[in-house]
């Protein structure tokens, strides 16, 4: 497995370098066609990677990766709503959104890695922690089903508070720069602030998704790689569906069901182990059904808005 860690690390580093150095070098607004192309690219890569795991380690590990990937991908969709709000909050020029996203995700991937290894260490050394994770997921599922989402306040972000302790923040963007010079003094630009907010907020949301993946497997390689592929795929998807995601309003309830299912799975793990294939089937079915339900029963518009349309 050590060789796989090395291979994966080199591959992801090469892809991020290529993205930053070539594809994102020219600041531009990402079109839907380009976004869908990169989304498909990352999904295909994830499936090819899963095939490689299957070839070397068998169907069990491959199913664990695929289930973890699907859980992380579906539970992280809500993050895109928040990212969109951040871009509006900070008035990020559309041509710089891509750069802000990829740097924010780099920060998130490093922090998620630390979070994952800490979670696995806790479960391996203190087995009872898995029950805490299970109860937490069920509680979160109930909150989501009731429509009580977690509130995120960019101005209260700890990373921004720490940044302001070391450097003042300018009020205007300076192209694609993170640091600018004003009257011979260094200032952080709003773009750097956005990157830090995106990265740290993603970790905040990972408090829900990572324990859910840990219910499937505690293999650090499977947990981390499924997270990485899901997050990188969602970055591309952001530009394609940021204006369409409201169509899938029933997905909220689907995500609540998934979290509740995974939470129960963690609580009964010592008494009954749910087959990984069955877990994958349940999760995939819930996602598909919630999307279909959203299309069949669209969200009703308020009377005033309906009249305007």
C-alpha atoms as a PDB file:
ATOM      1  CA  UNK A   1       0.000   0.000   0.000  1.00  0.00           C
ATOM      2  CA  UNK A   2       3.012   2.309   0.494  1.00  0.00           C
ATOM      3  CA  UNK A   3       3.596   2.393  -3.262  1.00  0.00           C
ATOM      4  CA  UNK A   4      -0.046   3.389  -3.738  1.00  0.00           C
ATOM      5  CA  UNK A   5       0.414   6.305  -1.322  1.00  0.00           C
ATOM      6  CA  UNK A   6       3.442   7.472  -3.300  1.00  0.00           C
ATOM      7  CA  UNK A   7       1.675   7.018  -6.637  1.00  0.00           C
ATOM      8  CA  UNK A   8      -1.433   8.855  -5.443  1.00  0.00           C
ATOM      9  CA  UNK A   9       0.576  11.716  -3.914  1.00  0.00           C
ATOM     10  CA  UNK A  10       2.643  12.236  -7.070  1.00  0.00           C
ATOM     11  CA  UNK A  11      -0.439  11.984  -9.291  1.00  0.00           C
ATOM     12  CA  UNK A  12      -2.508  14.517  -7.325  1.00  0.00           C
ATOM     13  CA  UNK A  13       0.469  16.892  -7.069  1.00  0.00           C
ATOM     14  CA  UNK A  14       0.990  16.655 -10.838  1.00  0.00           C
ATOM     15  CA  UNK A  15      -2.703  17.273 -11.572  1.00  0.00           C
ATOM     16  CA  UNK A  16      -2.928  20.270  -9.247  1.00  0.00           C
ATOM     17  CA  UNK A  17       0.298  21.695 -10.697  1.00  0.00           C
ATOM     18  CA  UNK A  18      -1.080  21.217 -14.214  1.00  0.00           C
ATOM     19  CA  UNK A  19      -4.353  22.856 -13.217  1.00  0.00           C
ATOM     20  CA  UNK A  20      -2.685  25.849 -11.562  1.00  0.00           C
ATOM     21  CA  UNK A  21       0.197  26.220 -14.013  1.00  0.00           C
ATOM     22  CA  UNK A  22      -1.616  25.609 -17.282  1.00  0.00           C
ATOM     23  CA  UNK A  23      -5.411  25.463 -17.222  1.00  0.00           C
ATOM     24  CA  UNK A  24      -5.973  28.113 -14.526  1.00  0.00           C
ATOM     25  CA  UNK A  25      -3.029  30.301 -15.426  1.00  0.00           C
ATOM     26  CA  UNK A  26      -5.191  32.630 -17.483  1.00  0.00           C
ATOM     27  CA  UNK A  27      -7.899  34.176 -15.335  1.00  0.00           C
ATOM     28  CA  UNK A  28     -11.261  33.566 -16.989  1.00  0.00           C
ATOM     29  CA  UNK A  29     -14.892  32.852 -16.227  1.00  0.00           C
ATOM     30  CA  UNK A  30     -15.449  29.099 -16.396  1.00  0.00           C
ATOM     31  CA  UNK A  31     -18.205  28.138 -18.836  1.00  0.00           C
ATOM     32  CA  UNK A  32     -20.658  25.285 -18.265  1.00  0.00           C
ATOM     33  CA  UNK A  33     -19.125  23.201 -21.084  1.00  0.00           C
ATOM     34  CA  UNK A  34     -15.636  23.472 -19.591  1.00  0.00           C
ATOM     35  CA  UNK A  35     -17.002  22.727 -16.124  1.00  0.00           C
ATOM     36  CA  UNK A  36     -18.797  19.577 -17.278  1.00  0.00           C
ATOM     37  CA  UNK A  37     -15.689  18.426 -19.119  1.00  0.00           C
ATOM     38  CA  UNK A  38     -13.544  18.635 -15.980  1.00  0.00           C
ATOM     39  CA  UNK A  39     -16.290  17.089 -13.832  1.00  0.00           C
ATOM     40  CA  UNK A  40     -16.473  14.100 -16.182  1.00  0.00           C
ATOM     41  CA  UNK A  41     -12.689  13.923 -16.221  1.00  0.00           C
ATOM     42  CA  UNK A  42     -12.455  13.625 -12.418  1.00  0.00           C
ATOM     43  CA  UNK A  43     -15.304  11.104 -12.237  1.00  0.00           C
ATOM     44  CA  UNK A  44     -13.614   8.910 -14.856  1.00  0.00           C
ATOM     45  CA  UNK A  45     -10.303   9.191 -12.982  1.00  0.00           C
ATOM     46  CA  UNK A  46     -12.011   8.136  -9.743  1.00  0.00           C
ATOM     47  CA  UNK A  47     -13.554   5.101 -11.468  1.00  0.00           C
ATOM     48  CA  UNK A  48     -10.210   4.161 -13.058  1.00  0.00           C
ATOM     49  CA  UNK A  49      -8.565   4.466  -9.651  1.00  0.00           C
ATOM     50  CA  UNK A  50     -11.298   2.238  -8.203  1.00  0.00           C
ATOM     51  CA  UNK A  51     -10.581  -0.285 -10.955  1.00  0.00           C
ATOM     52  CA  UNK A  52      -6.904  -0.246  -9.985  1.00  0.00           C
ATOM     53  CA  UNK A  53      -7.797  -0.917  -6.348  1.00  0.00           C
ATOM     54  CA  UNK A  54     -10.028  -3.782  -7.475  1.00  0.00           C
ATOM     55  CA  UNK A  55      -7.213  -5.292  -9.561  1.00  0.00           C
ATOM     56  CA  UNK A  56      -4.648  -5.193  -6.751  1.00  0.00           C
ATOM     57  CA  UNK A  57      -6.726  -5.500  -3.558  1.00  0.00           C
ATOM     58  CA  UNK A  58     -10.002  -7.132  -4.575  1.00  0.00           C
ATOM     59  CA  UNK A  59     -13.669  -6.190  -4.693  1.00  0.00           C
ATOM     60  CA  UNK A  60     -14.026  -5.430  -0.952  1.00  0.00           C
ATOM     61  CA  UNK A  61     -11.558  -2.518  -1.005  1.00  0.00           C
ATOM     62  CA  UNK A  62     -12.945  -1.332  -4.336  1.00  0.00           C
ATOM     63  CA  UNK A  63     -16.497  -1.266  -2.935  1.00  0.00           C
ATOM     64  CA  UNK A  64     -15.262   0.584   0.161  1.00  0.00           C
ATOM     65  CA  UNK A  65     -13.645   3.237  -2.058  1.00  0.00           C
ATOM     66  CA  UNK A  66     -16.723   3.570  -4.269  1.00  0.00           C
ATOM     67  CA  UNK A  67     -19.083   3.828  -1.286  1.00  0.00           C
ATOM     68  CA  UNK A  68     -16.841   6.362   0.466  1.00  0.00           C
ATOM     69  CA  UNK A  69     -16.554   8.370  -2.749  1.00  0.00           C
ATOM     70  CA  UNK A  70     -20.329   8.406  -3.232  1.00  0.00           C
ATOM     71  CA  UNK A  71     -20.976   9.398   0.394  1.00  0.00           C
ATOM     72  CA  UNK A  72     -18.438  12.218   0.288  1.00  0.00           C
ATOM     73  CA  UNK A  73     -19.608  13.444  -3.114  1.00  0.00           C
ATOM     74  CA  UNK A  74     -23.280  13.563  -2.112  1.00  0.00           C
ATOM     75  CA  UNK A  75     -22.730  15.063   1.348  1.00  0.00           C
ATOM     76  CA  UNK A  76     -20.395  17.720  -0.041  1.00  0.00           C
ATOM     77  CA  UNK A  77     -22.894  19.063  -2.570  1.00  0.00           C
ATOM     78  CA  UNK A  78     -24.284  21.446   0.054  1.00  0.00           C
ATOM     79  CA  UNK A  79     -20.802  22.964   0.282  1.00  0.00           C
ATOM     80  CA  UNK A  80     -21.311  24.388  -3.202  1.00  0.00           C
ATOM     81  CA  UNK A  81     -24.237  26.484  -1.952  1.00  0.00           C
ATOM     82  CA  UNK A  82     -22.026  27.946   0.762  1.00  0.00           C
ATOM     83  CA  UNK A  83     -19.143  28.585  -1.645  1.00  0.00           C
ATOM     84  CA  UNK A  84     -21.533  30.432  -3.937  1.00  0.00           C
ATOM     85  CA  UNK A  85     -22.680  32.599  -1.013  1.00  0.00           C
ATOM     86  CA  UNK A  86     -19.057  33.360  -0.127  1.00  0.00           C
ATOM     87  CA  UNK A  87     -18.303  34.512  -3.658  1.00  0.00           C
ATOM     88  CA  UNK A  88     -21.282  36.845  -3.508  1.00  0.00           C
ATOM     89  CA  UNK A  89     -20.446  38.006   0.017  1.00  0.00           C
ATOM     90  CA  UNK A  90     -16.896  38.965  -0.997  1.00  0.00           C
ATOM     91  CA  UNK A  91     -17.938  40.108  -4.500  1.00  0.00           C
ATOM     92  CA  UNK A  92     -15.341  37.865  -6.127  1.00  0.00           C
ATOM     93  CA  UNK A  93     -14.878  38.658  -9.843  1.00  0.00           C
ATOM     94  CA  UNK A  94     -15.988  35.599 -11.849  1.00  0.00           C
ATOM     95  CA  UNK A  95     -12.595  35.297 -13.554  1.00  0.00           C
ATOM     96  CA  UNK A  96     -10.918  34.696 -10.164  1.00  0.00           C
ATOM     97  CA  UNK A  97     -13.401  32.166  -8.793  1.00  0.00           C
ATOM     98  CA  UNK A  98     -11.496  29.207 -10.246  1.00  0.00           C
ATOM     99  CA  UNK A  99      -8.209  30.229  -8.629  1.00  0.00           C
ATOM    100  CA  UNK A 100      -9.887  30.863  -5.279  1.00  0.00           C
ATOM    101  CA  UNK A 101     -11.555  27.446  -5.369  1.00  0.00           C
ATOM    102  CA  UNK A 102      -8.468  25.426  -6.199  1.00  0.00           C
ATOM    103  CA  UNK A 103      -6.277  27.103  -3.541  1.00  0.00           C
ATOM    104  CA  UNK A 104      -9.059  26.793  -0.987  1.00  0.00           C
ATOM    105  CA  UNK A 105      -9.340  23.097  -1.794  1.00  0.00           C
ATOM    106  CA  UNK A 106      -5.576  22.571  -1.446  1.00  0.00           C
ATOM    107  CA  UNK A 107      -5.839  23.927   2.111  1.00  0.00           C
ATOM    108  CA  UNK A 108      -8.896  21.729   2.711  1.00  0.00           C
ATOM    109  CA  UNK A 109      -7.165  18.560   1.458  1.00  0.00           C
ATOM    110  CA  UNK A 110      -4.237  19.064   3.856  1.00  0.00           C
ATOM    111  CA  UNK A 111      -6.558  19.757   6.798  1.00  0.00           C
ATOM    112  CA  UNK A 112      -8.843  16.835   5.880  1.00  0.00           C
ATOM    113  CA  UNK A 113      -5.825  14.518   5.851  1.00  0.00           C
ATOM    114  CA  UNK A 114      -4.981  15.498   9.436  1.00  0.00           C
ATOM    115  CA  UNK A 115      -8.636  15.168  10.437  1.00  0.00           C
ATOM    116  CA  UNK A 116      -8.949  11.694   8.865  1.00  0.00           C
ATOM    117  CA  UNK A 117      -5.835  10.296  10.517  1.00  0.00           C
ATOM    118  CA  UNK A 118      -6.919  11.727  13.869  1.00  0.00           C
ATOM    119  CA  UNK A 119     -10.373  10.158  13.517  1.00  0.00           C
ATOM    120  CA  UNK A 120      -8.965   6.758  12.564  1.00  0.00           C
ATOM    121  CA  UNK A 121      -6.490   6.867  15.458  1.00  0.00           C
ATOM    122  CA  UNK A 122      -9.336   7.611  17.878  1.00  0.00           C
ATOM    123  CA  UNK A 123     -11.484   4.745  16.579  1.00  0.00           C
ATOM    124  CA  UNK A 124      -8.598   2.272  16.630  1.00  0.00           C
ATOM    125  CA  UNK A 125      -7.499   3.185  20.151  1.00  0.00           C
ATOM    126  CA  UNK A 126     -10.845   4.132  21.669  1.00  0.00           C
ATOM    127  CA  UNK A 127     -13.500   1.986  20.005  1.00  0.00           C
ATOM    128  CA  UNK A 128     -16.328   3.681  21.912  1.00  0.00           C
ATOM    129  CA  UNK A 129     -15.690   6.860  19.880  1.00  0.00           C
ATOM    130  CA  UNK A 130     -17.521   5.193  16.982  1.00  0.00           C
ATOM    131  CA  UNK A 131     -20.757   5.442  19.011  1.00  0.00           C
ATOM    132  CA  UNK A 132     -20.203   9.181  19.486  1.00  0.00           C
ATOM    133  CA  UNK A 133     -19.747   9.564  15.730  1.00  0.00           C
ATOM    134  CA  UNK A 134     -22.907   7.514  15.142  1.00  0.00           C
ATOM    135  CA  UNK A 135     -25.054   9.618  17.501  1.00  0.00           C
ATOM    136  CA  UNK A 136     -23.602  12.808  16.017  1.00  0.00           C
ATOM    137  CA  UNK A 137     -24.527  11.722  12.481  1.00  0.00           C
ATOM    138  CA  UNK A 138     -28.085  10.834  13.487  1.00  0.00           C
ATOM    139  CA  UNK A 139     -28.447  14.199  15.260  1.00  0.00           C
ATOM    140  CA  UNK A 140     -27.124  15.983  12.153  1.00  0.00           C
ATOM    141  CA  UNK A 141     -29.542  14.012   9.959  1.00  0.00           C
ATOM    142  CA  UNK A 142     -32.486  15.175  12.079  1.00  0.00           C
ATOM    143  CA  UNK A 143     -31.295  18.784  11.891  1.00  0.00           C
ATOM    144  CA  UNK A 144     -30.981  18.610   8.096  1.00  0.00           C
ATOM    145  CA  UNK A 145     -34.410  16.971   7.732  1.00  0.00           C
ATOM    146  CA  UNK A 146     -35.931  19.765   9.845  1.00  0.00           C
ATOM    147  CA  UNK A 147     -34.289  22.335   7.586  1.00  0.00           C
ATOM    148  CA  UNK A 148     -31.915  23.643  10.238  1.00  0.00           C
ATOM    149  CA  UNK A 149     -28.659  24.163   8.388  1.00  0.00           C
ATOM    150  CA  UNK A 150     -25.417  25.183   9.998  1.00  0.00           C
ATOM    151  CA  UNK A 151     -24.856  28.911   9.820  1.00  0.00           C
ATOM    152  CA  UNK A 152     -21.511  30.084   8.547  1.00  0.00           C
ATOM    153  CA  UNK A 153     -20.277  33.625   9.210  1.00  0.00           C
ATOM    154  CA  UNK A 154     -17.204  34.531   7.116  1.00  0.00           C
ATOM    155  CA  UNK A 155     -16.324  37.503   9.313  1.00  0.00           C
ATOM    156  CA  UNK A 156     -16.058  35.187  12.349  1.00  0.00           C
ATOM    157  CA  UNK A 157     -13.790  32.677  10.598  1.00  0.00           C
ATOM    158  CA  UNK A 158     -10.798  31.927  12.851  1.00  0.00           C
ATOM    159  CA  UNK A 159      -8.398  31.856   9.892  1.00  0.00           C
ATOM    160  CA  UNK A 160      -9.367  35.433   8.991  1.00  0.00           C
ATOM    161  CA  UNK A 161      -8.948  36.587  12.576  1.00  0.00           C
ATOM    162  CA  UNK A 162      -5.467  35.056  12.675  1.00  0.00           C
ATOM    163  CA  UNK A 163      -4.573  36.627   9.321  1.00  0.00           C
ATOM    164  CA  UNK A 164      -5.546  40.097  10.565  1.00  0.00           C
ATOM    165  CA  UNK A 165      -3.253  39.644  13.562  1.00  0.00           C
ATOM    166  CA  UNK A 166      -0.255  39.451  11.228  1.00  0.00           C
ATOM    167  CA  UNK A 167      -1.331  41.524   8.243  1.00  0.00           C
ATOM    168  CA  UNK A 168      -3.942  44.164   7.391  1.00  0.00           C
ATOM    169  CA  UNK A 169      -6.501  43.336   4.712  1.00  0.00           C
ATOM    170  CA  UNK A 170      -7.164  45.663   1.781  1.00  0.00           C
ATOM    171  CA  UNK A 171     -10.704  46.465   0.690  1.00  0.00           C
ATOM    172  CA  UNK A 172     -10.068  46.068  -3.040  1.00  0.00           C
ATOM    173  CA  UNK A 173      -8.880  43.217  -5.260  1.00  0.00           C
ATOM    174  CA  UNK A 174      -5.491  43.519  -6.895  1.00  0.00           C
ATOM    175  CA  UNK A 175      -5.952  41.304  -9.918  1.00  0.00           C
ATOM    176  CA  UNK A 176      -5.272  37.665  -9.070  1.00  0.00           C
ATOM    177  CA  UNK A 177      -2.724  38.556  -6.359  1.00  0.00           C
ATOM    178  CA  UNK A 178      -2.991  37.377  -2.754  1.00  0.00           C
ATOM    179  CA  UNK A 179      -0.678  40.083  -1.423  1.00  0.00           C
ATOM    180  CA  UNK A 180      -0.519  43.725  -2.537  1.00  0.00           C
ATOM    181  CA  UNK A 181       1.638  46.722  -1.631  1.00  0.00           C
ATOM    182  CA  UNK A 182      -0.103  49.940  -0.584  1.00  0.00           C
ATOM    183  CA  UNK A 183       2.081  52.874   0.443  1.00  0.00           C
ATOM    184  CA  UNK A 184       5.066  50.548   0.975  1.00  0.00           C
ATOM    185  CA  UNK A 185       3.039  48.325   3.292  1.00  0.00           C
ATOM    186  CA  UNK A 186       1.966  44.720   2.643  1.00  0.00           C
ATOM    187  CA  UNK A 187      -1.753  44.016   2.605  1.00  0.00           C
ATOM    188  CA  UNK A 188      -3.637  40.760   2.150  1.00  0.00           C
ATOM    189  CA  UNK A 189      -6.147  41.050  -0.678  1.00  0.00           C
ATOM    190  CA  UNK A 190      -9.799  39.925  -0.403  1.00  0.00           C
ATOM    191  CA  UNK A 191      -8.843  37.004  -2.689  1.00  0.00           C
ATOM    192  CA  UNK A 192      -6.560  35.569  -0.002  1.00  0.00           C
ATOM    193  CA  UNK A 193      -9.350  36.017   2.532  1.00  0.00           C
ATOM    194  CA  UNK A 194     -11.745  34.066   0.277  1.00  0.00           C
ATOM    195  CA  UNK A 195      -9.213  31.226  -0.125  1.00  0.00           C
ATOM    196  CA  UNK A 196      -8.779  30.895   3.645  1.00  0.00           C
ATOM    197  CA  UNK A 197     -12.536  30.989   4.228  1.00  0.00           C
ATOM    198  CA  UNK A 198     -13.163  28.309   1.590  1.00  0.00           C
ATOM    199  CA  UNK A 199     -10.446  26.012   2.953  1.00  0.00           C
ATOM    200  CA  UNK A 200     -11.383  26.254   6.617  1.00  0.00           C
ATOM    201  CA  UNK A 201     -15.135  26.107   5.969  1.00  0.00           C
ATOM    202  CA  UNK A 202     -14.707  22.917   3.930  1.00  0.00           C
ATOM    203  CA  UNK A 203     -13.064  21.305   6.960  1.00  0.00           C
ATOM    204  CA  UNK A 204     -15.989  22.509   9.071  1.00  0.00           C
ATOM    205  CA  UNK A 205     -18.397  20.651   6.785  1.00  0.00           C
ATOM    206  CA  UNK A 206     -16.119  17.593   6.770  1.00  0.00           C
ATOM    207  CA  UNK A 207     -17.098  17.049  10.413  1.00  0.00           C
ATOM    208  CA  UNK A 208     -20.270  15.467   8.970  1.00  0.00           C
ATOM    209  CA  UNK A 209     -18.927  13.621   5.956  1.00  0.00           C
ATOM    210  CA  UNK A 210     -15.683  12.096   7.240  1.00  0.00           C
ATOM    211  CA  UNK A 211     -17.304  10.225  10.171  1.00  0.00           C
ATOM    212  CA  UNK A 212     -19.821   8.888   7.623  1.00  0.00           C
ATOM    213  CA  UNK A 213     -16.999   7.497   5.470  1.00  0.00           C
ATOM    214  CA  UNK A 214     -15.306   6.069   8.581  1.00  0.00           C
ATOM    215  CA  UNK A 215     -18.441   3.982   9.080  1.00  0.00           C
ATOM    216  CA  UNK A 216     -17.623   2.260   5.790  1.00  0.00           C
ATOM    217  CA  UNK A 217     -13.896   1.722   6.352  1.00  0.00           C
ATOM    218  CA  UNK A 218     -11.084   2.831   8.665  1.00  0.00           C
ATOM    219  CA  UNK A 219      -8.423   2.225   6.019  1.00  0.00           C
ATOM    220  CA  UNK A 220      -6.740   5.661   5.869  1.00  0.00           C
ATOM    221  CA  UNK A 221      -5.801   5.252   2.208  1.00  0.00           C
ATOM    222  CA  UNK A 222      -9.373   4.466   1.130  1.00  0.00           C
ATOM    223  CA  UNK A 223     -10.884   7.224   3.282  1.00  0.00           C
ATOM    224  CA  UNK A 224      -8.449   9.914   2.116  1.00  0.00           C
ATOM    225  CA  UNK A 225      -8.381   9.043  -1.586  1.00  0.00           C
ATOM    226  CA  UNK A 226     -12.183   8.867  -1.796  1.00  0.00           C
ATOM    227  CA  UNK A 227     -12.306  12.295  -0.123  1.00  0.00           C
ATOM    228  CA  UNK A 228      -9.752  13.784  -2.511  1.00  0.00           C
ATOM    229  CA  UNK A 229     -11.450  12.546  -5.681  1.00  0.00           C
ATOM    230  CA  UNK A 230     -14.877  13.683  -4.446  1.00  0.00           C
ATOM    231  CA  UNK A 231     -13.711  17.166  -3.448  1.00  0.00           C
ATOM    232  CA  UNK A 232     -11.752  17.755  -6.659  1.00  0.00           C
ATOM    233  CA  UNK A 233     -14.721  16.577  -8.717  1.00  0.00           C
ATOM    234  CA  UNK A 234     -17.064  18.926  -6.886  1.00  0.00           C
ATOM    235  CA  UNK A 235     -14.766  21.886  -7.564  1.00  0.00           C
ATOM    236  CA  UNK A 236     -15.324  21.366 -11.278  1.00  0.00           C
ATOM    237  CA  UNK A 237     -19.034  20.729 -10.837  1.00  0.00           C
ATOM    238  CA  UNK A 238     -19.483  24.028  -8.967  1.00  0.00           C
ATOM    239  CA  UNK A 239     -19.444  26.140 -12.133  1.00  0.00           C
ATOM    240  CA  UNK A 240     -21.957  23.934 -13.931  1.00  0.00           C
ATOM    241  CA  UNK A 241     -24.676  23.589 -11.321  1.00  0.00           C
ATOM    242  CA  UNK A 242     -24.313  26.647  -9.069  1.00  0.00           C
ATOM    243  CA  UNK A 243     -27.443  28.025 -10.720  1.00  0.00           C
ATOM    244  CA  UNK A 244     -29.282  24.694 -11.014  1.00  0.00           C
ATOM    245  CA  UNK A 245     -28.797  23.141  -7.576  1.00  0.00           C
ATOM    246  CA  UNK A 246     -31.972  24.699  -6.206  1.00  0.00           C
ATOM    247  CA  UNK A 247     -33.894  22.391  -8.531  1.00  0.00           C
ATOM    248  CA  UNK A 248     -32.883  19.443  -6.346  1.00  0.00           C
ATOM    249  CA  UNK A 249     -34.514  20.700  -3.145  1.00  0.00           C
ATOM    250  CA  UNK A 250     -35.521  17.180  -2.047  1.00  0.00           C
ATOM    251  CA  UNK A 251     -31.846  16.220  -1.999  1.00  0.00           C
ATOM    252  CA  UNK A 252     -31.775  17.729   1.496  1.00  0.00           C
ATOM    253  CA  UNK A 253     -33.991  14.912   2.762  1.00  0.00           C
ATOM    254  CA  UNK A 254     -31.984  12.332   0.843  1.00  0.00           C
ATOM    255  CA  UNK A 255     -28.798  13.485   2.553  1.00  0.00           C
ATOM    256  CA  UNK A 256     -30.576  13.308   5.922  1.00  0.00           C
ATOM    257  CA  UNK A 257     -31.564   9.689   5.204  1.00  0.00           C
ATOM    258  CA  UNK A 258     -27.977   8.827   4.205  1.00  0.00           C
ATOM    259  CA  UNK A 259     -26.523  10.356   7.370  1.00  0.00           C
ATOM    260  CA  UNK A 260     -29.137   8.623   9.510  1.00  0.00           C
ATOM    261  CA  UNK A 261     -28.462   5.274   7.817  1.00  0.00           C
ATOM    262  CA  UNK A 262     -24.695   5.607   8.290  1.00  0.00           C
ATOM    263  CA  UNK A 263     -25.164   6.721  11.914  1.00  0.00           C
ATOM    264  CA  UNK A 264     -27.273   3.643  12.680  1.00  0.00           C
ATOM    265  CA  UNK A 265     -24.705   1.478  10.918  1.00  0.00           C
ATOM    266  CA  UNK A 266     -22.017   2.795  13.282  1.00  0.00           C
ATOM    267  CA  UNK A 267     -24.171   2.213  16.373  1.00  0.00           C
ATOM    268  CA  UNK A 268     -24.930  -1.431  15.532  1.00  0.00           C
ATOM    269  CA  UNK A 269     -21.471  -2.297  14.189  1.00  0.00           C
ATOM    270  CA  UNK A 270     -20.683  -4.587  17.161  1.00  0.00           C
ATOM    271  CA  UNK A 271     -23.962  -6.471  16.803  1.00  0.00           C
ATOM    272  CA  UNK A 272     -24.622  -6.576  13.073  1.00  0.00           C
ATOM    273  CA  UNK A 273     -22.432  -5.588  10.146  1.00  0.00           C
ATOM    274  CA  UNK A 274     -24.280  -4.323   7.082  1.00  0.00           C
ATOM    275  CA  UNK A 275     -22.746  -5.648   3.869  1.00  0.00           C
ATOM    276  CA  UNK A 276     -20.750  -2.994   1.985  1.00  0.00           C
ATOM    277  CA  UNK A 277     -22.619  -3.795  -1.231  1.00  0.00           C
ATOM    278  CA  UNK A 278     -25.951  -3.254   0.517  1.00  0.00           C
ATOM    279  CA  UNK A 279     -24.699   0.071   1.901  1.00  0.00           C
ATOM    280  CA  UNK A 280     -23.650   1.213  -1.562  1.00  0.00           C
ATOM    281  CA  UNK A 281     -27.043   0.213  -2.999  1.00  0.00           C
ATOM    282  CA  UNK A 282     -28.948   2.093  -0.273  1.00  0.00           C
ATOM    283  CA  UNK A 283     -26.889   5.276  -0.640  1.00  0.00           C
ATOM    284  CA  UNK A 284     -27.063   5.307  -4.454  1.00  0.00           C
ATOM    285  CA  UNK A 285     -30.824   4.607  -4.409  1.00  0.00           C
ATOM    286  CA  UNK A 286     -31.535   7.408  -1.934  1.00  0.00           C
ATOM    287  CA  UNK A 287     -29.596   9.947  -4.027  1.00  0.00           C
ATOM    288  CA  UNK A 288     -31.332   8.931  -7.269  1.00  0.00           C
ATOM    289  CA  UNK A 289     -34.795   8.910  -5.685  1.00  0.00           C
ATOM    290  CA  UNK A 290     -34.307  12.325  -4.056  1.00  0.00           C
ATOM    291  CA  UNK A 291     -33.230  13.850  -7.396  1.00  0.00           C
ATOM    292  CA  UNK A 292     -36.172  12.239  -9.221  1.00  0.00           C
ATOM    293  CA  UNK A 293     -38.557  13.480  -6.506  1.00  0.00           C
ATOM    294  CA  UNK A 294     -37.183  17.010  -6.935  1.00  0.00           C
ATOM    295  CA  UNK A 295     -37.925  16.892 -10.665  1.00  0.00           C
ATOM    296  CA  UNK A 296     -41.402  15.360 -10.285  1.00  0.00           C
ATOM    297  CA  UNK A 297     -42.459  17.639  -7.420  1.00  0.00           C
ATOM    298  CA  UNK A 298     -40.652  20.950  -8.016  1.00  0.00           C
ATOM    299  CA  UNK A 299     -40.436  23.500  -5.249  1.00  0.00           C
ATOM    300  CA  UNK A 300     -43.465  25.775  -5.185  1.00  0.00           C
ATOM    301  CA  UNK A 301     -42.713  29.440  -5.634  1.00  0.00           C
ATOM    302  CA  UNK A 302     -44.206  32.039  -3.277  1.00  0.00           C
ATOM    303  CA  UNK A 303     -47.430  33.570  -4.699  1.00  0.00           C
ATOM    304  CA  UNK A 304     -45.796  36.946  -5.438  1.00  0.00           C
ATOM    305  CA  UNK A 305     -42.878  35.393  -7.341  1.00  0.00           C
ATOM    306  CA  UNK A 306     -45.206  33.020  -9.173  1.00  0.00           C
ATOM    307  CA  UNK A 307     -47.345  35.967 -10.341  1.00  0.00           C
ATOM    308  CA  UNK A 308     -44.260  37.856 -11.550  1.00  0.00           C
ATOM    309  CA  UNK A 309     -43.214  34.853 -13.636  1.00  0.00           C
END
